[in-house]
Protein backbone atom coordinates (compact mmCIF):
# COMPACT_ATOMS: atom_id res chain seq x y z
CA MET A 1 24.72 1.16 23.57
CA LYS A 2 25.65 1.39 19.90
CA LEU A 3 23.92 -0.92 17.44
CA SER A 4 26.02 -3.20 15.30
CA SER A 5 25.96 -2.59 11.56
CA PHE A 6 24.34 -6.02 11.12
CA GLN A 7 21.47 -5.12 13.45
CA THR A 8 21.03 -1.74 11.75
CA THR A 9 20.91 -3.43 8.35
CA ILE A 10 18.27 -5.93 9.53
CA GLU A 11 16.15 -3.12 11.03
CA ASN A 12 16.39 -1.10 7.80
CA GLN A 13 15.35 -4.11 5.73
CA PHE A 14 12.40 -4.77 8.05
CA ASP A 15 11.33 -1.12 7.84
CA TYR A 16 11.54 -1.24 4.04
CA ILE A 17 9.44 -4.41 3.85
CA CYS A 18 6.79 -2.88 6.15
CA LYS A 19 6.74 0.34 4.12
CA ARG A 20 6.33 -1.55 0.84
CA GLY A 21 3.52 -3.63 2.34
CA MET A 22 1.64 -0.51 3.41
CA GLU A 23 2.14 1.15 0.02
CA ASP A 24 0.91 -1.97 -1.82
CA GLU A 25 -2.16 -2.13 0.40
CA HIS A 26 -2.86 1.56 -0.22
CA ILE A 27 -2.62 1.02 -3.98
CA ASP A 28 -5.00 -1.99 -3.75
CA TYR A 29 -7.56 0.10 -1.88
CA PHE A 30 -7.25 2.87 -4.46
CA ILE A 31 -7.78 0.43 -7.35
CA GLN A 32 -10.87 -1.05 -5.66
CA PHE A 33 -12.27 2.43 -4.98
CA LYS A 34 -11.67 3.44 -8.58
CA LYS A 35 -13.46 0.31 -9.88
CA ALA A 36 -16.42 0.88 -7.55
CA PHE A 37 -16.65 4.54 -8.56
CA GLN A 38 -16.62 3.66 -12.28
CA LEU A 39 -19.32 1.03 -11.72
CA ASN A 40 -21.48 3.57 -9.87
CA LEU A 41 -21.07 6.05 -12.72
CA GLU A 42 -22.08 3.42 -15.28
CA CYS A 43 -25.20 2.58 -13.27
CA PHE A 44 -26.07 6.25 -12.82
CA PHE A 45 -25.85 7.05 -16.53
CA ALA A 46 -27.66 3.87 -17.60
CA PHE A 47 -31.04 5.42 -16.80
């Protein structure tokens, strides 16, 4: 059965929203890792 163009459009929009959500979460994890790494370096070189 062929999908209607409306259904295809909705599915594409949903896929895009999910993809953006995963990318944003990945960026947030990277920022937190970077902050933690910088903090560890500061503590290491403080001695």
